């Protein structure tokens, strides 16, 4: 980008303030995009109530999960 040459210190300060405002506006836009959308979070708490998970179950799950990974 090519900017017009600033003539005075006041012009430079005004340009800096303008850039700071643009950065602040950009930050606000990014934060709005990152904020939760208001959708309800579904809790899975209690979904496995009464289920017993054994070491064999965990080993089988790991085997299935990492079967395609080559180390």
Foldseek 3Di string as FASTA:
>chain_A
DDDDDDDDPVSVVVVVVVVVVVVVVVVVVVVVVVDDPPDDDDDCPPVCPPPDADPVNVVVVVCVVCVPPDD
